[in-house]
Protein backbone atom coordinates (compact mmCIF):
# COMPACT_ATOMS: atom_id res chain seq x y z
CA UNK A 1 0.00 0.00 0.00
CA UNK A 2 1.34 3.43 -0.93
CA UNK A 3 2.21 5.93 1.80
CA UNK A 4 -0.58 8.28 0.71
CA UNK A 5 -3.14 5.47 0.99
CA UNK A 6 -1.74 4.40 4.36
CA UNK A 7 -2.06 7.95 5.66
CA UNK A 8 -5.64 8.13 4.37
CA UNK A 9 -6.58 4.85 6.09
CA UNK A 10 -4.91 5.99 9.33
CA UNK A 11 -6.73 9.34 9.27
CA UNK A 12 -10.06 7.68 8.51
CA UNK A 13 -9.58 5.18 11.35
CA UNK A 14 -8.67 7.98 13.75
CA UNK A 15 -11.77 9.95 12.85
CA UNK A 16 -13.96 6.87 13.35
CA UNK A 17 -12.43 6.35 16.80
CA UNK A 18 -13.02 9.98 17.73
CA UNK A 19 -16.63 9.69 16.57
CA UNK A 20 -17.24 6.59 18.70
CA UNK A 21 -15.76 8.27 21.79
CA UNK A 22 -17.75 11.45 21.14
CA UNK A 23 -21.01 9.54 20.72
CA UNK A 24 -20.38 7.60 23.92
CA UNK A 25 -19.98 10.86 25.81
CA UNK A 26 -22.81 12.93 24.36
CA UNK A 27 -25.42 10.41 23.18
CA UNK A 28 -27.58 8.33 25.50
CA UNK A 29 -28.89 4.80 25.02
CA UNK A 30 -31.88 6.22 23.16
CA UNK A 31 -29.47 7.78 20.61
CA UNK A 32 -30.47 11.29 21.67
CA UNK A 33 -27.98 13.96 22.80
CA UNK A 34 -27.56 14.09 26.57
CA UNK A 35 -29.25 16.92 28.43
CA UNK A 36 -27.44 19.14 30.95
CA UNK A 37 -29.19 17.22 33.72
CA UNK A 38 -27.78 13.95 32.37
CA UNK A 39 -24.31 15.46 32.11
CA UNK A 40 -24.65 16.65 35.72
CA UNK A 41 -25.67 13.15 36.78
CA UNK A 42 -22.62 11.67 35.05
CA UNK A 43 -20.38 14.22 36.76
CA UNK A 44 -21.89 13.37 40.16
CA UNK A 45 -21.21 9.70 39.48
CA UNK A 46 -17.57 10.52 38.76
CA UNK A 47 -17.22 12.44 42.03
CA UNK A 48 -18.83 9.62 44.02
CA UNK A 49 -16.53 7.12 42.33
CA UNK A 50 -13.52 9.26 43.26
CA UNK A 51 -14.59 9.39 46.91
CA UNK A 52 -15.09 5.65 46.90
CA UNK A 53 -11.60 5.26 45.44
CA UNK A 54 -10.02 7.14 48.36
CA UNK A 55 -11.96 5.12 50.93
CA UNK A 56 -10.99 1.90 49.16
CA UNK A 57 -7.31 2.87 49.06
CA UNK A 58 -7.45 3.84 52.74
CA UNK A 59 -8.95 0.45 53.66
CA UNK A 60 -6.26 -1.34 51.64
CA UNK A 61 -3.66 0.86 53.31
CA UNK A 62 -4.73 -0.42 56.74
CA UNK A 63 -4.15 -3.99 55.55
CA UNK A 64 -0.75 -3.07 54.11
CA UNK A 65 0.26 -1.51 57.43
CA UNK A 66 -0.47 -4.79 59.19
CA UNK A 67 1.80 -6.61 56.74
CA UNK A 68 4.50 -3.94 56.99
CA UNK A 69 4.68 -4.28 60.78
CA UNK A 70 6.50 -7.59 60.28
CA UNK A 71 9.31 -5.65 58.61
CA UNK A 72 9.72 -2.88 61.19
CA UNK A 73 13.26 -1.94 62.22
CA UNK A 74 13.85 0.01 65.44
CA UNK A 75 17.27 1.63 65.82
CA UNK A 76 19.05 2.09 69.16
CA UNK A 77 17.96 5.74 69.26
CA UNK A 78 14.33 4.72 68.76
CA UNK A 79 14.11 5.67 65.10
CA UNK A 80 11.64 3.47 63.23
CA UNK A 81 12.27 2.38 59.64
CA UNK A 82 11.09 -0.51 57.50
CA UNK A 83 12.75 -3.16 55.39
CA UNK A 84 11.13 -2.13 52.11
CA UNK A 85 12.59 -5.04 50.16
CA UNK A 86 11.19 -7.52 52.64
CA UNK A 87 7.86 -5.71 52.66
CA UNK A 88 7.65 -5.78 48.86
CA UNK A 89 8.54 -9.47 48.83
CA UNK A 90 5.73 -10.18 51.29
CA UNK A 91 3.23 -8.26 49.17
CA UNK A 92 4.18 -10.33 46.13
CA UNK A 93 2.95 -13.39 48.00
CA UNK A 94 -0.55 -11.91 48.35
CA UNK A 95 -3.32 -10.94 45.88
CA UNK A 96 -2.29 -7.30 46.44
CA UNK A 97 0.77 -7.94 44.27
CA UNK A 98 -1.25 -6.31 41.46
CA UNK A 99 -0.77 -2.91 43.13
CA UNK A 100 2.07 -0.66 42.03
CA UNK A 101 4.55 0.58 44.63
CA UNK A 102 3.21 4.10 44.06
CA UNK A 103 -0.37 3.07 44.79
CA UNK A 104 0.77 1.14 47.88
CA UNK A 105 2.48 4.27 49.12
CA UNK A 106 -0.68 6.34 48.56
CA UNK A 107 -2.81 3.73 50.32
CA UNK A 108 -0.56 3.65 53.38
CA UNK A 109 -0.39 7.47 53.48
CA UNK A 110 -4.19 7.72 53.41
CA UNK A 111 -4.53 5.12 56.18
CA UNK A 112 -1.88 6.66 58.44
CA UNK A 113 -3.18 10.22 58.04
CA UNK A 114 -6.92 9.71 57.66
CA UNK A 115 -8.03 12.10 60.42
CA UNK A 116 -5.47 14.76 59.56
CA UNK A 117 -6.45 14.68 55.87
CA UNK A 118 -10.15 14.94 56.75
CA UNK A 119 -9.53 17.94 59.03
CA UNK A 120 -7.28 19.62 56.47
CA UNK A 121 -9.86 19.26 53.70
CA UNK A 122 -12.62 20.59 55.96
CA UNK A 123 -10.58 23.62 57.04
CA UNK A 124 -9.49 24.49 53.51
CA UNK A 125 -12.87 23.66 51.96
CA UNK A 126 -11.25 21.18 49.59
CA UNK A 127 -13.25 18.64 47.62
CA UNK A 128 -10.31 17.24 45.69
CA UNK A 129 -10.12 13.46 45.60
CA UNK A 130 -6.62 13.45 44.10
CA UNK A 131 -4.07 11.88 46.43
CA UNK A 132 -1.22 13.65 44.62
CA UNK A 133 -2.88 17.06 45.02
CA UNK A 134 -3.69 16.47 48.69
CA UNK A 135 -0.15 15.34 49.49
CA UNK A 136 1.34 18.44 47.84
CA UNK A 137 -1.16 20.78 49.53
CA UNK A 138 -0.53 19.31 52.99
CA UNK A 139 3.24 19.29 52.49
CA UNK A 140 3.13 22.99 51.55
CA UNK A 141 0.97 23.81 54.59
CA UNK A 142 3.47 22.04 56.87
CA UNK A 143 6.41 23.97 55.39
CA UNK A 144 4.51 27.25 55.77
CA UNK A 145 3.73 26.42 59.41
CA UNK A 146 7.39 25.70 60.21
CA UNK A 147 8.46 28.95 58.56
CA UNK A 148 5.79 30.86 60.49
CA UNK A 149 6.99 29.30 63.77
CA UNK A 150 10.57 30.28 63.01
CA UNK A 151 9.60 33.85 62.09
CA UNK A 152 7.54 34.28 65.27
CA UNK A 153 10.32 32.84 67.44
CA UNK A 154 12.84 35.25 65.94
CA UNK A 155 10.46 38.19 66.32
CA UNK A 156 9.72 37.41 69.98
CA UNK A 157 13.42 36.93 70.70
CA UNK A 158 14.17 40.38 69.27
CA UNK A 159 11.28 41.94 71.18
CA UNK A 160 12.51 40.34 74.42
CA UNK A 161 16.01 41.60 73.76
CA UNK A 162 14.70 45.13 73.14
CA UNK A 163 12.98 45.11 76.53
CA UNK A 164 16.13 44.16 78.39
CA UNK A 165 18.11 47.06 79.96
CA UNK A 166 21.23 47.88 77.94
CA UNK A 167 24.61 48.55 79.59
CA UNK A 168 25.92 52.09 79.26
CA UNK A 169 27.63 52.72 75.96
CA UNK A 170 25.78 49.93 74.15
CA UNK A 171 23.89 51.06 71.06
CA UNK A 172 20.54 49.56 70.21
CA UNK A 173 20.57 48.02 66.73
CA UNK A 174 18.30 46.15 64.33
CA UNK A 175 18.82 42.80 62.63
CA UNK A 176 20.58 43.24 59.33
CA UNK A 177 22.47 46.47 60.04
CA UNK A 178 26.13 46.80 60.98
CA UNK A 179 25.54 47.98 64.55
CA UNK A 180 26.90 45.54 67.11
CA UNK A 181 24.20 44.45 69.50
CA UNK A 182 23.93 42.21 72.54
CA UNK A 183 23.25 38.62 71.59
CA UNK A 184 19.53 37.77 71.63
CA UNK A 185 18.42 35.99 74.76
CA UNK A 186 17.24 32.52 73.64
CA UNK A 187 13.88 31.10 74.63
CA UNK A 188 13.79 28.23 77.09
CA UNK A 189 12.90 24.69 75.96
CA UNK A 190 9.50 24.98 77.61
CA UNK A 191 8.78 28.32 75.90
CA UNK A 192 9.74 26.89 72.50
CA UNK A 193 7.58 23.78 72.96
CA UNK A 194 4.62 25.89 74.10
CA UNK A 195 5.00 28.16 71.09
CA UNK A 196 5.34 25.13 68.80
CA UNK A 197 2.10 23.56 70.07
CA UNK A 198 0.19 26.84 69.77
CA UNK A 199 1.36 27.33 66.19
CA UNK A 200 0.41 23.78 65.22
CA UNK A 201 -3.04 24.26 66.73
CA UNK A 202 -3.54 27.66 65.06
CA UNK A 203 -2.53 26.31 61.65
CA UNK A 204 -4.36 22.98 62.01
CA UNK A 205 -1.11 21.05 61.56
CA UNK A 206 -0.46 17.63 63.09
CA UNK A 207 2.08 18.28 65.87
CA UNK A 208 3.39 14.70 65.73
CA UNK A 209 4.17 14.95 62.02
CA UNK A 210 5.97 18.29 62.43
CA UNK A 211 7.83 16.92 65.44
CA UNK A 212 9.10 14.06 63.28
CA UNK A 213 10.17 16.58 60.63
CA UNK A 214 12.09 18.56 63.28
CA UNK A 215 13.76 15.37 64.48
CA UNK A 216 14.87 14.46 60.95
CA UNK A 217 16.06 18.01 60.30
CA UNK A 218 18.08 17.98 63.53
CA UNK A 219 19.75 14.71 62.50
CA UNK A 220 20.68 16.22 59.13
CA UNK A 221 22.07 19.33 60.81
CA UNK A 222 24.14 17.20 63.14
C-alpha atoms as a PDB file:
ATOM      1  CA  UNK A   1       0.000   0.000   0.000  1.00  0.00           C
ATOM      2  CA  UNK A   2       1.342   3.427  -0.934  1.00  0.00           C
ATOM      3  CA  UNK A   3       2.211   5.934   1.803  1.00  0.00           C
ATOM      4  CA  UNK A   4      -0.583   8.282   0.710  1.00  0.00           C
ATOM      5  CA  UNK A   5      -3.139   5.467   0.994  1.00  0.00           C
ATOM      6  CA  UNK A   6      -1.741   4.396   4.361  1.00  0.00           C
ATOM      7  CA  UNK A   7      -2.058   7.949   5.664  1.00  0.00           C
ATOM      8  CA  UNK A   8      -5.641   8.134   4.373  1.00  0.00           C
ATOM      9  CA  UNK A   9      -6.584   4.850   6.094  1.00  0.00           C
ATOM     10  CA  UNK A  10      -4.914   5.985   9.326  1.00  0.00           C
ATOM     11  CA  UNK A  11      -6.732   9.335   9.267  1.00  0.00           C
ATOM     12  CA  UNK A  12     -10.059   7.683   8.512  1.00  0.00           C
ATOM     13  CA  UNK A  13      -9.576   5.184  11.347  1.00  0.00           C
ATOM     14  CA  UNK A  14      -8.666   7.977  13.747  1.00  0.00           C
ATOM     15  CA  UNK A  15     -11.768   9.948  12.848  1.00  0.00           C
ATOM     16  CA  UNK A  16     -13.964   6.870  13.350  1.00  0.00           C
ATOM     17  CA  UNK A  17     -12.431   6.348  16.801  1.00  0.00           C
ATOM     18  CA  UNK A  18     -13.017   9.975  17.727  1.00  0.00           C
ATOM     19  CA  UNK A  19     -16.635   9.692  16.568  1.00  0.00           C
ATOM     20  CA  UNK A  20     -17.239   6.592  18.703  1.00  0.00           C
ATOM     21  CA  UNK A  21     -15.760   8.273  21.787  1.00  0.00           C
ATOM     22  CA  UNK A  22     -17.750  11.452  21.142  1.00  0.00           C
ATOM     23  CA  UNK A  23     -21.009   9.539  20.719  1.00  0.00           C
ATOM     24  CA  UNK A  24     -20.379   7.597  23.920  1.00  0.00           C
ATOM     25  CA  UNK A  25     -19.982  10.856  25.806  1.00  0.00           C
ATOM     26  CA  UNK A  26     -22.812  12.929  24.362  1.00  0.00           C
ATOM     27  CA  UNK A  27     -25.420  10.409  23.180  1.00  0.00           C
ATOM     28  CA  UNK A  28     -27.579   8.331  25.500  1.00  0.00           C
ATOM     29  CA  UNK A  29     -28.892   4.804  25.022  1.00  0.00           C
ATOM     30  CA  UNK A  30     -31.880   6.223  23.161  1.00  0.00           C
ATOM     31  CA  UNK A  31     -29.471   7.777  20.614  1.00  0.00           C
ATOM     32  CA  UNK A  32     -30.471  11.287  21.666  1.00  0.00           C
ATOM     33  CA  UNK A  33     -27.985  13.960  22.797  1.00  0.00           C
ATOM     34  CA  UNK A  34     -27.556  14.089  26.567  1.00  0.00           C
ATOM     35  CA  UNK A  35     -29.252  16.917  28.432  1.00  0.00           C
ATOM     36  CA  UNK A  36     -27.436  19.138  30.951  1.00  0.00           C
ATOM     37  CA  UNK A  37     -29.189  17.223  33.724  1.00  0.00           C
ATOM     38  CA  UNK A  38     -27.785  13.954  32.365  1.00  0.00           C
ATOM     39  CA  UNK A  39     -24.312  15.462  32.112  1.00  0.00           C
ATOM     40  CA  UNK A  40     -24.649  16.649  35.717  1.00  0.00           C
ATOM     41  CA  UNK A  41     -25.673  13.145  36.779  1.00  0.00           C
ATOM     42  CA  UNK A  42     -22.616  11.667  35.050  1.00  0.00           C
ATOM     43  CA  UNK A  43     -20.378  14.217  36.762  1.00  0.00           C
ATOM     44  CA  UNK A  44     -21.894  13.368  40.155  1.00  0.00           C
ATOM     45  CA  UNK A  45     -21.212   9.703  39.479  1.00  0.00           C
ATOM     46  CA  UNK A  46     -17.574  10.520  38.755  1.00  0.00           C
ATOM     47  CA  UNK A  47     -17.216  12.436  42.029  1.00  0.00           C
ATOM     48  CA  UNK A  48     -18.830   9.618  44.017  1.00  0.00           C
ATOM     49  CA  UNK A  49     -16.533   7.117  42.335  1.00  0.00           C
ATOM     50  CA  UNK A  50     -13.516   9.259  43.259  1.00  0.00           C
ATOM     51  CA  UNK A  51     -14.587   9.393  46.915  1.00  0.00           C
ATOM     52  CA  UNK A  52     -15.092   5.650  46.900  1.00  0.00           C
ATOM     53  CA  UNK A  53     -11.605   5.256  45.438  1.00  0.00           C
ATOM     54  CA  UNK A  54     -10.025   7.143  48.357  1.00  0.00           C
ATOM     55  CA  UNK A  55     -11.961   5.121  50.928  1.00  0.00           C
ATOM     56  CA  UNK A  56     -10.992   1.901  49.157  1.00  0.00           C
ATOM     57  CA  UNK A  57      -7.315   2.868  49.062  1.00  0.00           C
ATOM     58  CA  UNK A  58      -7.454   3.837  52.745  1.00  0.00           C
ATOM     59  CA  UNK A  59      -8.946   0.447  53.661  1.00  0.00           C
ATOM     60  CA  UNK A  60      -6.257  -1.343  51.641  1.00  0.00           C
ATOM     61  CA  UNK A  61      -3.659   0.858  53.314  1.00  0.00           C
ATOM     62  CA  UNK A  62      -4.735  -0.418  56.736  1.00  0.00           C
ATOM     63  CA  UNK A  63      -4.145  -3.991  55.553  1.00  0.00           C
ATOM     64  CA  UNK A  64      -0.749  -3.072  54.106  1.00  0.00           C
ATOM     65  CA  UNK A  65       0.260  -1.510  57.425  1.00  0.00           C
ATOM     66  CA  UNK A  66      -0.469  -4.795  59.188  1.00  0.00           C
ATOM     67  CA  UNK A  67       1.796  -6.605  56.736  1.00  0.00           C
ATOM     68  CA  UNK A  68       4.505  -3.938  56.988  1.00  0.00           C
ATOM     69  CA  UNK A  69       4.680  -4.281  60.785  1.00  0.00           C
ATOM     70  CA  UNK A  70       6.495  -7.591  60.279  1.00  0.00           C
ATOM     71  CA  UNK A  71       9.309  -5.651  58.614  1.00  0.00           C
ATOM     72  CA  UNK A  72       9.723  -2.879  61.192  1.00  0.00           C
ATOM     73  CA  UNK A  73      13.264  -1.943  62.223  1.00  0.00           C
ATOM     74  CA  UNK A  74      13.849   0.014  65.439  1.00  0.00           C
ATOM     75  CA  UNK A  75      17.274   1.631  65.816  1.00  0.00           C
ATOM     76  CA  UNK A  76      19.047   2.093  69.162  1.00  0.00           C
ATOM     77  CA  UNK A  77      17.960   5.741  69.261  1.00  0.00           C
ATOM     78  CA  UNK A  78      14.332   4.716  68.761  1.00  0.00           C
ATOM     79  CA  UNK A  79      14.115   5.675  65.101  1.00  0.00           C
ATOM     80  CA  UNK A  80      11.639   3.472  63.232  1.00  0.00           C
ATOM     81  CA  UNK A  81      12.274   2.378  59.641  1.00  0.00           C
ATOM     82  CA  UNK A  82      11.090  -0.514  57.499  1.00  0.00           C
ATOM     83  CA  UNK A  83      12.752  -3.159  55.388  1.00  0.00           C
ATOM     84  CA  UNK A  84      11.126  -2.134  52.112  1.00  0.00           C
ATOM     85  CA  UNK A  85      12.594  -5.037  50.161  1.00  0.00           C
ATOM     86  CA  UNK A  86      11.194  -7.520  52.640  1.00  0.00           C
ATOM     87  CA  UNK A  87       7.855  -5.715  52.663  1.00  0.00           C
ATOM     88  CA  UNK A  88       7.647  -5.782  48.858  1.00  0.00           C
ATOM     89  CA  UNK A  89       8.543  -9.469  48.828  1.00  0.00           C
ATOM     90  CA  UNK A  90       5.727 -10.185  51.289  1.00  0.00           C
ATOM     91  CA  UNK A  91       3.231  -8.259  49.166  1.00  0.00           C
ATOM     92  CA  UNK A  92       4.181 -10.329  46.130  1.00  0.00           C
ATOM     93  CA  UNK A  93       2.954 -13.389  48.004  1.00  0.00           C
ATOM     94  CA  UNK A  94      -0.546 -11.908  48.346  1.00  0.00           C
ATOM     95  CA  UNK A  95      -3.317 -10.935  45.880  1.00  0.00           C
ATOM     96  CA  UNK A  96      -2.286  -7.295  46.440  1.00  0.00           C
ATOM     97  CA  UNK A  97       0.771  -7.942  44.271  1.00  0.00           C
ATOM     98  CA  UNK A  98      -1.249  -6.306  41.459  1.00  0.00           C
ATOM     99  CA  UNK A  99      -0.768  -2.907  43.129  1.00  0.00           C
ATOM    100  CA  UNK A 100       2.075  -0.664  42.032  1.00  0.00           C
ATOM    101  CA  UNK A 101       4.553   0.580  44.630  1.00  0.00           C
ATOM    102  CA  UNK A 102       3.211   4.102  44.064  1.00  0.00           C
ATOM    103  CA  UNK A 103      -0.373   3.066  44.793  1.00  0.00           C
ATOM    104  CA  UNK A 104       0.767   1.142  47.882  1.00  0.00           C
ATOM    105  CA  UNK A 105       2.485   4.274  49.123  1.00  0.00           C
ATOM    106  CA  UNK A 106      -0.677   6.342  48.562  1.00  0.00           C
ATOM    107  CA  UNK A 107      -2.813   3.734  50.319  1.00  0.00           C
ATOM    108  CA  UNK A 108      -0.561   3.653  53.383  1.00  0.00           C
ATOM    109  CA  UNK A 109      -0.388   7.470  53.480  1.00  0.00           C
ATOM    110  CA  UNK A 110      -4.192   7.722  53.411  1.00  0.00           C
ATOM    111  CA  UNK A 111      -4.526   5.121  56.182  1.00  0.00           C
ATOM    112  CA  UNK A 112      -1.882   6.659  58.436  1.00  0.00           C
ATOM    113  CA  UNK A 113      -3.185  10.215  58.036  1.00  0.00           C
ATOM    114  CA  UNK A 114      -6.920   9.706  57.659  1.00  0.00           C
ATOM    115  CA  UNK A 115      -8.030  12.104  60.419  1.00  0.00           C
ATOM    116  CA  UNK A 116      -5.466  14.760  59.555  1.00  0.00           C
ATOM    117  CA  UNK A 117      -6.453  14.678  55.867  1.00  0.00           C
ATOM    118  CA  UNK A 118     -10.148  14.942  56.747  1.00  0.00           C
ATOM    119  CA  UNK A 119      -9.533  17.937  59.033  1.00  0.00           C
ATOM    120  CA  UNK A 120      -7.282  19.617  56.472  1.00  0.00           C
ATOM    121  CA  UNK A 121      -9.862  19.263  53.696  1.00  0.00           C
ATOM    122  CA  UNK A 122     -12.618  20.587  55.964  1.00  0.00           C
ATOM    123  CA  UNK A 123     -10.578  23.620  57.045  1.00  0.00           C
ATOM    124  CA  UNK A 124      -9.495  24.488  53.510  1.00  0.00           C
ATOM    125  CA  UNK A 125     -12.872  23.659  51.962  1.00  0.00           C
ATOM    126  CA  UNK A 126     -11.247  21.176  49.588  1.00  0.00           C
ATOM    127  CA  UNK A 127     -13.248  18.644  47.618  1.00  0.00           C
ATOM    128  CA  UNK A 128     -10.308  17.238  45.688  1.00  0.00           C
ATOM    129  CA  UNK A 129     -10.116  13.458  45.602  1.00  0.00           C
ATOM    130  CA  UNK A 130      -6.620  13.449  44.101  1.00  0.00           C
ATOM    131  CA  UNK A 131      -4.067  11.875  46.435  1.00  0.00           C
ATOM    132  CA  UNK A 132      -1.217  13.649  44.624  1.00  0.00           C
ATOM    133  CA  UNK A 133      -2.879  17.056  45.017  1.00  0.00           C
ATOM    134  CA  UNK A 134      -3.685  16.470  48.691  1.00  0.00           C
ATOM    135  CA  UNK A 135      -0.150  15.343  49.492  1.00  0.00           C
ATOM    136  CA  UNK A 136       1.338  18.439  47.840  1.00  0.00           C
ATOM    137  CA  UNK A 137      -1.160  20.784  49.532  1.00  0.00           C
ATOM    138  CA  UNK A 138      -0.530  19.306  52.989  1.00  0.00           C
ATOM    139  CA  UNK A 139       3.240  19.291  52.491  1.00  0.00           C
ATOM    140  CA  UNK A 140       3.125  22.990  51.550  1.00  0.00           C
ATOM    141  CA  UNK A 141       0.973  23.807  54.592  1.00  0.00           C
ATOM    142  CA  UNK A 142       3.471  22.040  56.865  1.00  0.00           C
ATOM    143  CA  UNK A 143       6.412  23.968  55.392  1.00  0.00           C
ATOM    144  CA  UNK A 144       4.512  27.249  55.771  1.00  0.00           C
ATOM    145  CA  UNK A 145       3.727  26.417  59.415  1.00  0.00           C
ATOM    146  CA  UNK A 146       7.387  25.695  60.207  1.00  0.00           C
ATOM    147  CA  UNK A 147       8.459  28.950  58.560  1.00  0.00           C
ATOM    148  CA  UNK A 148       5.792  30.862  60.494  1.00  0.00           C
ATOM    149  CA  UNK A 149       6.990  29.299  63.768  1.00  0.00           C
ATOM    150  CA  UNK A 150      10.571  30.276  63.005  1.00  0.00           C
ATOM    151  CA  UNK A 151       9.601  33.846  62.094  1.00  0.00           C
ATOM    152  CA  UNK A 152       7.543  34.283  65.268  1.00  0.00           C
ATOM    153  CA  UNK A 153      10.317  32.837  67.440  1.00  0.00           C
ATOM    154  CA  UNK A 154      12.839  35.254  65.938  1.00  0.00           C
ATOM    155  CA  UNK A 155      10.458  38.194  66.325  1.00  0.00           C
ATOM    156  CA  UNK A 156       9.723  37.407  69.975  1.00  0.00           C
ATOM    157  CA  UNK A 157      13.421  36.926  70.696  1.00  0.00           C
ATOM    158  CA  UNK A 158      14.171  40.383  69.266  1.00  0.00           C
ATOM    159  CA  UNK A 159      11.283  41.939  71.183  1.00  0.00           C
ATOM    160  CA  UNK A 160      12.510  40.336  74.418  1.00  0.00           C
ATOM    161  CA  UNK A 161      16.011  41.599  73.763  1.00  0.00           C
ATOM    162  CA  UNK A 162      14.704  45.130  73.144  1.00  0.00           C
ATOM    163  CA  UNK A 163      12.976  45.112  76.529  1.00  0.00           C
ATOM    164  CA  UNK A 164      16.130  44.156  78.393  1.00  0.00           C
ATOM    165  CA  UNK A 165      18.109  47.055  79.956  1.00  0.00           C
ATOM    166  CA  UNK A 166      21.227  47.880  77.937  1.00  0.00           C
ATOM    167  CA  UNK A 167      24.608  48.548  79.585  1.00  0.00           C
ATOM    168  CA  UNK A 168      25.923  52.090  79.255  1.00  0.00           C
ATOM    169  CA  UNK A 169      27.629  52.717  75.962  1.00  0.00           C
ATOM    170  CA  UNK A 170      25.778  49.933  74.152  1.00  0.00           C
ATOM    171  CA  UNK A 171      23.893  51.062  71.065  1.00  0.00           C
ATOM    172  CA  UNK A 172      20.544  49.557  70.211  1.00  0.00           C
ATOM    173  CA  UNK A 173      20.567  48.024  66.732  1.00  0.00           C
ATOM    174  CA  UNK A 174      18.300  46.147  64.334  1.00  0.00           C
ATOM    175  CA  UNK A 175      18.817  42.800  62.634  1.00  0.00           C
ATOM    176  CA  UNK A 176      20.578  43.239  59.326  1.00  0.00           C
ATOM    177  CA  UNK A 177      22.470  46.466  60.042  1.00  0.00           C
ATOM    178  CA  UNK A 178      26.134  46.805  60.978  1.00  0.00           C
ATOM    179  CA  UNK A 179      25.543  47.981  64.554  1.00  0.00           C
ATOM    180  CA  UNK A 180      26.901  45.538  67.108  1.00  0.00           C
ATOM    181  CA  UNK A 181      24.198  44.445  69.503  1.00  0.00           C
ATOM    182  CA  UNK A 182      23.926  42.211  72.538  1.00  0.00           C
ATOM    183  CA  UNK A 183      23.251  38.625  71.595  1.00  0.00           C
ATOM    184  CA  UNK A 184      19.532  37.768  71.626  1.00  0.00           C
ATOM    185  CA  UNK A 185      18.418  35.988  74.756  1.00  0.00           C
ATOM    186  CA  UNK A 186      17.237  32.519  73.643  1.00  0.00           C
ATOM    187  CA  UNK A 187      13.877  31.103  74.628  1.00  0.00           C
ATOM    188  CA  UNK A 188      13.789  28.227  77.085  1.00  0.00           C
ATOM    189  CA  UNK A 189      12.895  24.690  75.956  1.00  0.00           C
ATOM    190  CA  UNK A 190       9.498  24.979  77.609  1.00  0.00           C
ATOM    191  CA  UNK A 191       8.776  28.316  75.901  1.00  0.00           C
ATOM    192  CA  UNK A 192       9.736  26.892  72.502  1.00  0.00           C
ATOM    193  CA  UNK A 193       7.581  23.779  72.964  1.00  0.00           C
ATOM    194  CA  UNK A 194       4.616  25.888  74.100  1.00  0.00           C
ATOM    195  CA  UNK A 195       4.998  28.161  71.087  1.00  0.00           C
ATOM    196  CA  UNK A 196       5.340  25.135  68.798  1.00  0.00           C
ATOM    197  CA  UNK A 197       2.102  23.560  70.067  1.00  0.00           C
ATOM    198  CA  UNK A 198       0.189  26.838  69.771  1.00  0.00           C
ATOM    199  CA  UNK A 199       1.364  27.335  66.188  1.00  0.00           C
ATOM    200  CA  UNK A 200       0.405  23.782  65.221  1.00  0.00           C
ATOM    201  CA  UNK A 201      -3.045  24.264  66.727  1.00  0.00           C
ATOM    202  CA  UNK A 202      -3.545  27.663  65.064  1.00  0.00           C
ATOM    203  CA  UNK A 203      -2.533  26.309  61.655  1.00  0.00           C
ATOM    204  CA  UNK A 204      -4.356  22.975  62.008  1.00  0.00           C
ATOM    205  CA  UNK A 205      -1.108  21.046  61.557  1.00  0.00           C
ATOM    206  CA  UNK A 206      -0.457  17.635  63.093  1.00  0.00           C
ATOM    207  CA  UNK A 207       2.083  18.280  65.873  1.00  0.00           C
ATOM    208  CA  UNK A 208       3.386  14.700  65.728  1.00  0.00           C
ATOM    209  CA  UNK A 209       4.170  14.952  62.022  1.00  0.00           C
ATOM    210  CA  UNK A 210       5.969  18.295  62.426  1.00  0.00           C
ATOM    211  CA  UNK A 211       7.830  16.917  65.442  1.00  0.00           C
ATOM    212  CA  UNK A 212       9.099  14.057  63.276  1.00  0.00           C
ATOM    213  CA  UNK A 213      10.168  16.575  60.634  1.00  0.00           C
ATOM    214  CA  UNK A 214      12.085  18.561  63.284  1.00  0.00           C
ATOM    215  CA  UNK A 215      13.763  15.366  64.477  1.00  0.00           C
ATOM    216  CA  UNK A 216      14.868  14.457  60.955  1.00  0.00           C
ATOM    217  CA  UNK A 217      16.062  18.015  60.303  1.00  0.00           C
ATOM    218  CA  UNK A 218      18.080  17.976  63.535  1.00  0.00           C
ATOM    219  CA  UNK A 219      19.752  14.712  62.503  1.00  0.00           C
ATOM    220  CA  UNK A 220      20.678  16.220  59.126  1.00  0.00           C
ATOM    221  CA  UNK A 221      22.072  19.327  60.807  1.00  0.00           C
ATOM    222  CA  UNK A 222      24.138  17.203  63.144  1.00  0.00           C
END
